[in-house]
Protein backbone atom coordinates (compact mmCIF):
# COMPACT_ATOMS: atom_id res chain seq x y z
CA UNK A 1 218.22 152.21 233.20
CA UNK A 2 221.86 151.50 234.02
CA UNK A 3 221.12 150.09 237.31
CA UNK A 4 219.69 146.38 237.80
CA UNK A 5 217.92 145.77 241.14
CA UNK A 6 216.89 142.07 241.78
CA UNK A 7 213.75 142.04 244.15
CA UNK A 8 213.50 138.42 245.66
CA UNK A 9 209.85 137.61 247.51
CA UNK A 10 206.18 136.76 247.61
CA UNK A 11 204.00 138.10 245.36
CA UNK A 12 199.94 138.55 246.16
CA UNK A 13 197.24 140.22 243.92
CA UNK A 14 195.92 142.91 245.98
CA UNK A 15 192.33 143.97 245.41
CA UNK A 16 190.53 147.19 246.33
CA UNK A 17 186.96 147.86 246.84
CA UNK A 18 186.05 151.59 247.67
CA UNK A 19 183.12 153.13 248.12
CA UNK A 20 180.66 154.94 250.29
CA UNK A 21 179.06 153.94 253.41
CA UNK A 22 176.36 155.62 254.74
CA UNK A 23 173.52 153.46 255.82
CA UNK A 24 173.14 149.94 257.91
CA UNK A 25 172.21 146.83 256.30
CA UNK A 26 168.24 146.34 257.37
CA UNK A 27 168.83 142.76 258.50
CA UNK A 28 172.43 142.80 260.28
CA UNK A 29 174.39 145.26 262.43
CA UNK A 30 176.56 145.73 259.13
CA UNK A 31 177.77 148.90 257.00
CA UNK A 32 176.32 148.83 253.18
CA UNK A 33 178.89 149.87 250.74
CA UNK A 34 177.83 151.17 247.52
CA UNK A 35 178.82 153.31 244.74
CA UNK A 36 181.68 151.40 244.44
CA UNK A 37 184.85 150.59 242.36
CA UNK A 38 186.69 147.70 241.97
CA UNK A 39 190.87 147.90 241.65
CA UNK A 40 193.63 145.17 241.32
CA UNK A 41 197.07 145.70 241.87
CA UNK A 42 200.59 143.88 242.60
CA UNK A 43 201.26 143.26 246.31
CA UNK A 44 203.89 142.17 248.13
CA UNK A 45 207.30 141.82 246.51
CA UNK A 46 205.52 142.62 243.29
CA UNK A 47 204.29 146.32 244.70
CA UNK A 48 208.19 147.23 245.92
CA UNK A 49 209.23 145.77 242.32
CA UNK A 50 206.59 148.05 240.68
CA UNK A 51 207.62 151.12 242.53
CA UNK A 52 211.08 150.62 242.03
CA UNK A 53 210.72 150.29 238.28
CA UNK A 54 208.88 153.43 238.23
CA UNK A 55 211.93 155.53 239.44
CA UNK A 56 213.47 154.32 236.30
CA UNK A 57 215.56 151.45 237.38
CA UNK A 58 215.66 148.01 235.55
CA UNK A 59 213.97 145.56 237.88
CA UNK A 60 213.91 141.83 237.88
CA UNK A 61 211.44 139.97 240.29
CA UNK A 62 211.99 136.44 241.48
CA UNK A 63 209.26 135.09 242.67
CA UNK A 64 206.34 132.48 242.68
CA UNK A 65 202.77 132.49 240.68
CA UNK A 66 200.38 129.71 240.30
CA UNK A 67 198.71 129.01 237.28
CA UNK A 68 195.29 130.24 237.87
CA UNK A 69 193.60 133.12 237.03
CA UNK A 70 194.76 135.36 239.50
CA UNK A 71 198.73 134.40 238.89
CA UNK A 72 197.89 135.35 235.24
CA UNK A 73 196.45 138.58 236.24
CA UNK A 74 199.09 139.42 238.55
CA UNK A 75 201.72 138.88 236.23
CA UNK A 76 199.83 140.80 233.55
CA UNK A 77 199.96 143.73 236.19
CA UNK A 78 203.57 143.05 236.97
CA UNK A 79 205.27 142.93 233.71
CA UNK A 80 202.56 146.40 232.71
CA UNK A 81 204.56 147.71 235.46
CA UNK A 82 208.07 147.38 233.35
CA UNK A 83 209.36 144.16 235.52
CA UNK A 84 211.03 141.38 234.06
CA UNK A 85 209.63 138.18 236.05
CA UNK A 86 211.48 135.34 237.09
CA UNK A 87 208.44 132.75 238.15
CA UNK A 88 209.77 129.96 239.93
CA UNK A 89 206.09 128.13 240.12
CA UNK A 90 203.43 128.25 243.29
CA UNK A 91 201.81 124.66 244.02
CA UNK A 92 198.47 125.94 244.63
CA UNK A 93 196.55 129.15 244.28
CA UNK A 94 197.59 132.89 244.09
CA UNK A 95 197.54 134.50 247.04
CA UNK A 96 194.82 137.60 247.26
CA UNK A 97 194.12 139.88 249.53
CA UNK A 98 190.55 141.93 249.37
CA UNK A 99 190.22 145.18 251.28
CA UNK A 100 186.57 146.57 251.38
CA UNK A 101 187.21 150.45 252.46
CA UNK A 102 184.66 152.96 253.06
CA UNK A 103 185.74 156.58 251.92
CA UNK A 104 189.05 155.32 251.75
CA UNK A 105 189.52 153.89 255.30
CA UNK A 106 189.70 149.97 255.22
CA UNK A 107 186.41 148.44 257.33
CA UNK A 108 187.19 144.33 256.46
CA UNK A 109 189.94 142.40 254.33
CA UNK A 110 189.75 138.81 253.05
CA UNK A 111 192.42 136.81 252.70
CA UNK A 112 192.52 134.25 249.92
CA UNK A 113 195.59 131.75 249.35
CA UNK A 114 197.32 129.14 251.83
CA UNK A 115 200.44 130.59 253.10
CA UNK A 116 202.11 126.84 253.11
CA UNK A 117 201.95 126.18 249.50
CA UNK A 118 205.14 124.93 248.16
CA UNK A 119 207.21 127.35 245.94
CA UNK A 120 209.76 126.02 243.22
CA UNK A 121 213.39 125.90 243.74
CA UNK A 122 216.07 128.57 242.88
CA UNK A 123 216.56 128.04 239.06
CA UNK A 124 219.51 129.25 237.03
CA UNK A 125 217.45 132.49 235.71
CA UNK A 126 217.32 133.06 239.53
CA UNK A 127 220.70 132.94 240.08
CA UNK A 128 221.74 135.14 237.33
CA UNK A 129 219.47 137.54 238.28
CA UNK A 130 220.77 137.98 241.36
CA UNK A 131 224.79 137.86 240.49
CA UNK A 132 223.74 140.53 237.89
CA UNK A 133 222.42 143.03 240.00
CA UNK A 134 223.70 145.97 242.03
CA UNK A 135 221.51 145.39 244.90
CA UNK A 136 219.07 142.86 245.68
CA UNK A 137 215.76 143.45 247.94
CA UNK A 138 214.04 140.52 249.86
CA UNK A 139 210.39 141.26 250.05
CA UNK A 140 209.79 138.49 252.78
CA UNK A 141 205.91 137.80 253.01
CA UNK A 142 206.52 134.43 254.87
CA UNK A 143 205.35 132.38 252.01
CA UNK A 144 208.44 130.39 251.23
CA UNK A 145 210.42 132.61 248.68
CA UNK A 146 212.78 134.01 251.29
CA UNK A 147 213.57 130.26 252.38
CA UNK A 148 213.98 128.93 248.76
CA UNK A 149 216.70 131.88 247.92
CA UNK A 150 218.59 131.70 251.25
CA UNK A 151 221.46 129.55 250.32
CA UNK A 152 222.02 131.77 246.85
CA UNK A 153 221.84 135.13 249.01
CA UNK A 154 224.07 134.11 251.95
CA UNK A 155 226.97 133.33 249.17
CA UNK A 156 225.89 136.89 247.21
CA UNK A 157 225.55 138.88 250.65
CA UNK A 158 228.94 140.12 250.59
CA UNK A 159 229.26 140.82 246.66
CA UNK A 160 226.59 143.47 246.40
CA UNK A 161 224.16 145.08 249.37
CA UNK A 162 221.43 142.75 250.32
CA UNK A 163 218.33 144.40 252.03
CA UNK A 164 215.98 142.57 253.73
CA UNK A 165 212.44 143.45 254.58
CA UNK A 166 211.35 140.53 257.05
CA UNK A 167 208.39 138.96 258.12
CA UNK A 168 207.30 137.17 261.38
CA UNK A 169 206.63 133.98 259.57
CA UNK A 170 209.38 134.06 257.05
CA UNK A 171 213.25 133.71 256.83
CA UNK A 172 216.19 135.08 259.05
CA UNK A 173 217.81 136.66 256.91
CA UNK A 174 221.38 135.65 255.26
CA UNK A 175 224.69 136.37 257.13
CA UNK A 176 226.25 139.40 255.97
CA UNK A 177 223.27 141.03 254.53
CA UNK A 178 223.41 145.03 254.50
CA UNK A 179 220.31 146.01 255.69
CA UNK A 180 217.28 144.79 257.37
CA UNK A 181 214.31 146.80 257.74
CA UNK A 182 211.34 145.41 260.07
CA UNK A 183 209.00 147.90 261.46
CA UNK A 184 208.85 148.68 265.30
CA UNK A 185 206.31 146.20 266.27
CA UNK A 186 207.85 143.49 263.91
CA UNK A 187 211.44 144.31 265.64
CA UNK A 188 209.88 143.69 269.41
CA UNK A 189 208.88 140.59 268.12
CA UNK A 190 212.01 139.32 267.07
CA UNK A 191 213.60 140.36 270.16
CA UNK A 192 211.32 139.86 272.86
CA UNK A 193 214.18 139.84 275.26
CA UNK A 194 214.55 143.75 274.63
CA UNK A 195 211.31 143.93 276.65
CA UNK A 196 213.07 142.03 279.95
CA UNK A 197 215.86 144.70 279.78
CA UNK A 198 213.55 147.73 279.58
CA UNK A 199 215.21 150.59 279.02
CA UNK A 200 213.67 153.91 279.61
CA UNK A 201 211.78 155.18 276.32
CA UNK A 202 210.22 153.59 273.41
CA UNK A 203 213.58 154.88 271.05
CA UNK A 204 215.58 153.46 273.72
CA UNK A 205 214.20 149.68 273.63
CA UNK A 206 213.88 149.94 269.76
CA UNK A 207 217.83 150.85 269.58
CA UNK A 208 218.56 148.01 272.40
CA UNK A 209 216.27 145.70 270.34
CA UNK A 210 217.99 146.36 267.20
CA UNK A 211 221.26 145.93 268.29
CA UNK A 212 220.06 142.56 269.83
CA UNK A 213 218.65 141.68 266.16
CA UNK A 214 221.98 142.80 264.31
CA UNK A 215 224.38 140.67 266.77
CA UNK A 216 221.70 137.79 266.49
CA UNK A 217 221.10 137.48 262.70
CA UNK A 218 224.74 138.71 262.03
CA UNK A 219 224.01 141.65 259.96
CA UNK A 220 225.69 144.92 259.46
CA UNK A 221 222.61 147.52 260.31
CA UNK A 222 219.20 147.42 261.25
CA UNK A 223 216.54 150.19 260.34
CA UNK A 224 213.45 150.25 262.49
CA UNK A 225 210.51 152.27 260.94
CA UNK A 226 208.58 154.43 263.62
CA UNK A 227 205.42 155.01 261.38
CA UNK A 228 204.92 158.83 261.84
CA UNK A 229 208.72 159.46 263.99
CA UNK A 230 210.87 158.24 260.68
CA UNK A 231 213.20 155.77 260.86
CA UNK A 232 215.91 155.14 263.59
CA UNK A 233 219.23 153.46 261.92
CA UNK A 234 221.70 151.22 264.19
CA UNK A 235 224.71 150.69 262.47
CA UNK A 236 227.63 149.55 264.74
CA UNK A 237 228.46 150.53 268.00
CA UNK A 238 227.92 154.44 267.45
CA UNK A 239 224.44 156.24 268.87
CA UNK A 240 221.37 155.45 266.46
CA UNK A 241 220.66 157.62 263.96
CA UNK A 242 216.83 158.76 263.81
CA UNK A 243 215.64 160.27 260.93
CA UNK A 244 211.91 161.98 261.38
CA UNK A 245 209.64 162.70 258.77
CA UNK A 246 206.90 165.45 258.17
CA UNK A 247 203.82 164.91 259.74
CA UNK A 248 201.41 163.49 257.35
CA UNK A 249 197.47 163.43 257.52
CA UNK A 250 197.19 160.20 255.80
CA UNK A 251 194.76 157.06 256.15
CA UNK A 252 196.18 154.56 253.89
CA UNK A 253 199.69 153.48 254.91
CA UNK A 254 199.47 150.28 252.92
CA UNK A 255 202.58 149.38 250.89
CA UNK A 256 204.78 152.22 252.69
CA UNK A 257 207.34 149.39 253.78
CA UNK A 258 207.89 148.00 250.41
CA UNK A 259 208.51 151.66 249.26
CA UNK A 260 211.12 152.30 252.30
CA UNK A 261 213.06 149.10 251.37
CA UNK A 262 213.37 149.31 247.79
CA UNK A 263 214.42 152.91 248.30
CA UNK A 264 217.11 151.99 250.28
CA UNK A 265 218.43 148.98 247.93
CA UNK A 266 218.37 151.36 245.26
CA UNK A 267 220.17 154.30 247.22
CA UNK A 268 222.69 151.71 248.16
CA UNK A 269 222.84 150.49 244.29
CA UNK A 270 224.08 154.05 243.60
CA UNK A 271 226.94 154.08 246.45
CA UNK A 272 225.23 155.81 249.20
CA UNK A 273 226.51 155.17 252.54
CA UNK A 274 224.12 153.55 255.08
CA UNK A 275 223.00 156.78 256.68
CA UNK A 276 222.07 158.47 253.16
CA UNK A 277 220.53 155.56 252.14
CA UNK A 278 217.90 155.37 255.15
CA UNK A 279 217.38 159.17 254.71
CA UNK A 280 216.45 158.79 251.14
CA UNK A 281 214.26 155.91 252.16
CA UNK A 282 212.19 158.07 254.65
CA UNK A 283 211.67 160.68 252.33
CA UNK A 284 210.39 158.50 249.28
CA UNK A 285 208.19 156.19 251.81
CA UNK A 286 206.49 159.25 253.48
CA UNK A 287 206.19 160.68 249.97
CA UNK A 288 204.64 157.48 248.95
CA UNK A 289 202.05 157.70 252.14
CA UNK A 290 201.35 161.08 251.41
CA UNK A 291 200.07 160.79 247.68
CA UNK A 292 197.90 157.96 249.02
CA UNK A 293 199.69 155.02 249.18
CA UNK A 294 199.31 151.68 247.83
CA UNK A 295 195.21 152.49 247.37
CA UNK A 296 196.26 155.26 244.54
CA UNK A 297 198.05 153.10 242.68
CA UNK A 298 196.23 152.85 239.24
CA UNK A 299 194.82 156.50 239.93
CA UNK A 300 195.84 157.49 236.26
CA UNK A 301 197.00 161.09 235.16
CA UNK A 302 198.75 161.25 231.64
CA UNK A 303 199.09 157.39 231.58
CA UNK A 304 201.02 157.46 234.88
CA UNK A 305 200.34 156.48 238.25
CA UNK A 306 199.63 159.23 240.98
CA UNK A 307 200.59 157.56 243.85
CA UNK A 308 203.87 156.74 241.79
CA UNK A 309 204.43 160.02 240.34
CA UNK A 310 205.42 161.66 244.09
CA UNK A 311 207.50 159.05 244.48
CA UNK A 312 210.10 159.36 241.28
CA UNK A 313 211.89 162.42 242.59
CA UNK A 314 212.62 163.67 246.15
CA UNK A 315 210.98 166.46 246.25
CA UNK A 316 210.83 168.88 243.02
CA UNK A 317 208.88 168.83 240.05
CA UNK A 318 206.45 165.74 240.66
CA UNK A 319 205.61 166.67 244.42
CA UNK A 320 204.38 169.70 243.16
CA UNK A 321 202.62 168.36 240.38
CA UNK A 322 201.08 165.60 242.98
CA UNK A 323 199.94 167.98 245.22
CA UNK A 324 198.02 170.05 242.55
CA UNK A 325 196.94 167.21 241.15
CA UNK A 326 195.30 166.05 244.05
CA UNK A 327 193.62 169.42 245.37
CA UNK A 328 192.38 169.69 242.07
CA UNK A 329 190.81 166.15 242.04
CA UNK A 330 188.85 167.44 245.18
CA UNK A 331 187.71 170.03 243.71
CA UNK A 332 190.06 172.81 245.92
CA UNK A 333 192.04 175.41 244.91
CA UNK A 334 195.48 175.37 244.16
CA UNK A 335 197.90 178.46 245.08
CA UNK A 336 201.32 179.31 243.73
CA UNK A 337 203.82 181.81 244.44
CA UNK A 338 207.61 182.62 243.39
CA UNK A 339 210.80 184.13 243.87
CA UNK A 340 214.47 183.58 244.75
CA UNK A 341 214.31 183.72 248.69
CA UNK A 342 217.89 184.10 248.94
CA UNK A 343 217.79 185.07 252.67
CA UNK A 344 214.26 183.97 254.20
CA UNK A 345 212.98 186.73 256.50
CA UNK A 346 209.96 187.83 258.02
CA UNK A 347 208.90 189.68 254.73
CA UNK A 348 208.67 186.64 253.31
CA UNK A 349 207.15 184.47 255.98
CA UNK A 350 204.32 187.06 255.92
CA UNK A 351 203.56 186.68 252.22
CA UNK A 352 203.66 182.84 252.36
CA UNK A 353 201.28 182.76 254.88
CA UNK A 354 199.02 184.91 253.34
CA UNK A 355 199.27 183.33 249.98
CA UNK A 356 198.62 179.95 251.92
CA UNK A 357 195.18 181.12 253.45
CA UNK A 358 193.99 181.97 249.86
CA UNK A 359 193.30 178.40 249.26
CA UNK A 360 193.97 174.51 249.84
CA UNK A 361 197.96 174.45 249.03
CA UNK A 362 200.46 176.72 248.43
CA UNK A 363 203.12 175.62 246.03
CA UNK A 364 206.55 177.46 245.88
CA UNK A 365 208.18 178.30 242.78
CA UNK A 366 211.69 179.12 243.31
CA UNK A 367 214.76 180.63 240.93
CA UNK A 368 217.68 177.83 240.31
CA UNK A 369 221.11 179.00 241.33
CA UNK A 370 221.87 180.24 237.38
CA UNK A 371 218.17 181.90 237.35
CA UNK A 372 219.03 183.82 240.41
CA UNK A 373 222.90 184.91 238.64
CA UNK A 374 220.92 186.40 235.68
CA UNK A 375 218.63 188.27 237.66
CA UNK A 376 220.79 189.54 240.51
CA UNK A 377 224.39 189.57 239.52
CA UNK A 378 227.53 186.58 239.86
CA UNK A 379 227.61 187.33 243.49
CA UNK A 380 224.03 185.75 244.10
CA UNK A 381 222.57 183.57 245.48
CA UNK A 382 224.27 183.44 248.78
CA UNK A 383 222.57 180.11 249.56
CA UNK A 384 222.49 177.32 246.84
CA UNK A 385 219.00 175.97 245.42
CA UNK A 386 219.16 172.89 247.36
CA UNK A 387 219.44 174.78 250.52
CA UNK A 388 216.92 177.52 249.54
CA UNK A 389 214.20 174.86 248.86
CA UNK A 390 214.61 172.71 252.19
CA UNK A 391 214.30 176.07 254.19
CA UNK A 392 210.83 176.68 252.13
CA UNK A 393 209.49 172.98 252.65
CA UNK A 394 210.28 173.20 256.43
CA UNK A 395 207.40 176.10 256.56
CA UNK A 396 204.00 174.45 257.80
CA UNK A 397 202.15 176.93 255.32
CA UNK A 398 204.27 175.76 252.46
CA UNK A 399 203.07 172.10 250.48
CA UNK A 400 205.43 171.68 248.06
CA UNK A 401 208.51 173.26 246.46
CA UNK A 402 209.69 173.65 243.13
CA UNK A 403 213.12 174.64 241.25
CA UNK A 404 212.83 176.25 237.90
CA UNK A 405 215.94 177.12 235.72
CA UNK A 406 213.67 179.94 233.53
CA UNK A 407 213.58 183.72 234.02
CA UNK A 408 210.04 183.61 235.41
CA UNK A 409 207.96 180.39 236.71
CA UNK A 410 205.84 180.85 233.45
CA UNK A 411 206.74 177.48 232.64
CA UNK A 412 206.17 175.65 235.63
CA UNK A 413 202.57 177.41 236.16
CA UNK A 414 201.61 175.91 232.59
CA UNK A 415 202.29 172.39 234.22
CA UNK A 416 200.78 172.95 237.54
CA UNK A 417 197.71 175.41 236.35
CA UNK A 418 197.28 177.12 239.94
CA UNK A 419 194.05 178.52 240.76
CA UNK A 420 195.93 181.53 242.22
CA UNK A 421 199.31 183.11 241.75
CA UNK A 422 200.11 185.35 244.54
CA UNK A 423 203.15 187.86 244.31
CA UNK A 424 204.51 190.35 247.25
CA UNK A 425 205.65 193.60 246.82
CA UNK A 426 204.31 196.68 245.01
CA UNK A 427 203.80 195.21 241.52
CA UNK A 428 200.89 195.86 239.04
CA UNK A 429 198.86 192.91 237.58
CA UNK A 430 199.89 193.71 234.18
CA UNK A 431 203.21 193.93 234.89
CA UNK A 432 203.47 190.27 236.00
CA UNK A 433 204.09 187.81 232.99
CA UNK A 434 202.76 185.14 235.66
CA UNK A 435 199.00 186.87 235.32
CA UNK A 436 198.93 186.41 231.73
CA UNK A 437 199.93 182.77 231.74
CA UNK A 438 196.98 182.19 234.51
CA UNK A 439 194.32 184.06 232.31
CA UNK A 440 194.92 181.12 230.00
CA UNK A 441 193.19 178.62 231.98
CA UNK A 442 190.88 180.70 234.06
CA UNK A 443 193.23 181.38 237.00
CA UNK A 444 194.04 184.38 238.75
CA UNK A 445 197.01 186.62 239.37
CA UNK A 446 196.78 188.51 243.04
CA UNK A 447 199.52 190.74 244.86
CA UNK A 448 199.64 190.60 248.50
CA UNK A 449 200.86 193.20 250.97
CA UNK A 450 204.69 193.12 251.71
CA UNK A 451 205.89 194.30 254.69
CA UNK A 452 208.08 197.52 254.72
CA UNK A 453 211.72 197.32 254.87
CA UNK A 454 211.91 193.89 255.03
CA UNK A 455 213.89 192.77 252.08
CA UNK A 456 217.13 190.84 251.11
CA UNK A 457 218.76 193.43 249.57
CA UNK A 458 218.13 195.73 253.00
CA UNK A 459 219.52 192.60 255.32
CA UNK A 460 222.90 192.89 252.77
CA UNK A 461 223.54 196.50 252.88
CA UNK A 462 223.10 196.29 256.96
CA UNK A 463 225.40 193.32 257.01
CA UNK A 464 228.06 195.12 254.80
CA UNK A 465 227.73 198.52 256.99
CA UNK A 466 228.38 196.58 259.89
CA UNK A 467 231.50 194.98 258.63
CA UNK A 468 232.96 198.35 257.57
């Protein structure tokens, strides 16, 4: 935990009541939610801090908590996430947000707490937390914390990256803020004049609004989250950078903005340039939403939160593990396959598509560069493992990719415990070491037909023949 991030912002206690809704109330046209479970989790700035802490980063949260039962419960949740709390004190009651969900979809939200309850003054502990951090994230939820910190953050903005997630009822970011992260609706609300110019296309309008906002607020860059379209970064006078995201079948996007802003702050603290930070933030927030969003916080598996496991790394082991766990929890069939995939060709595609049809997800286990060299020789692989994994992840039939260092993927299979391991080619089942592994948990190894004369070796031989 060498990196230190300070999160400044308004914390809320979030509660979910999630159950089934299959009938109407007999005395009113209202849904009846039964067989429900209750869960509490950190919300607002507290959620942003908890998500960063789960990445292995030392996090201090400067916030304001009331001296009431909800405040004490919220503080316990924050500290359980590994976050150090600097409490400025909140006069009034701790803000609470309760969602009632039916089958994972929100049907009503009930909010409690006065937005105008005063927060305490920024004290020496809070100043020290900001001064000792590699980056600062301001998670403004319009309840006073950002205003309380504004003078300090204005002085610190040139000393370290400040990422500001703004709120329509909140403070104007400190001059010199490195990155501001409104969503598209917030952006157009901050700059209504952008509507009057009406450049053609929604991206053009958003880019125009972002430039206006950067000049008005005197910040270095504005990145606008665009929902399923990813995010757009406006930085300087050059063309905007648009970072697309993988299409998701998600029902709960709660917390995605916190995940995005926090990931950007961590990346900037690590020395990333602005474009790298936004690419990283899109990847992490997309993974967070795919895993169930804030609503999955607290779905324990081995003592960790499944919604957070997915976000610990960009892809890799945590991604594959989350996909397998989610499918298994819903009673589905997990399929895995493996290989070097050095030159992706039609034979690979046919096998991958066939494997995906065997179950509800497909996880591809890819030999690392060192593993390929041991198996194929020192002149292989032709492409590094990061490129090979990226190509596979781009395929619609692939749900997750994991790179392994051993000669066979047996250790990865033991961790994932797929129901099916599929291999293309003319193997006999008893020749596959993976088959013996799967038998230990009741899985099945299968061989799929392989397209004749389609192989990396044949492609290399043909390329050499043509060169000579």
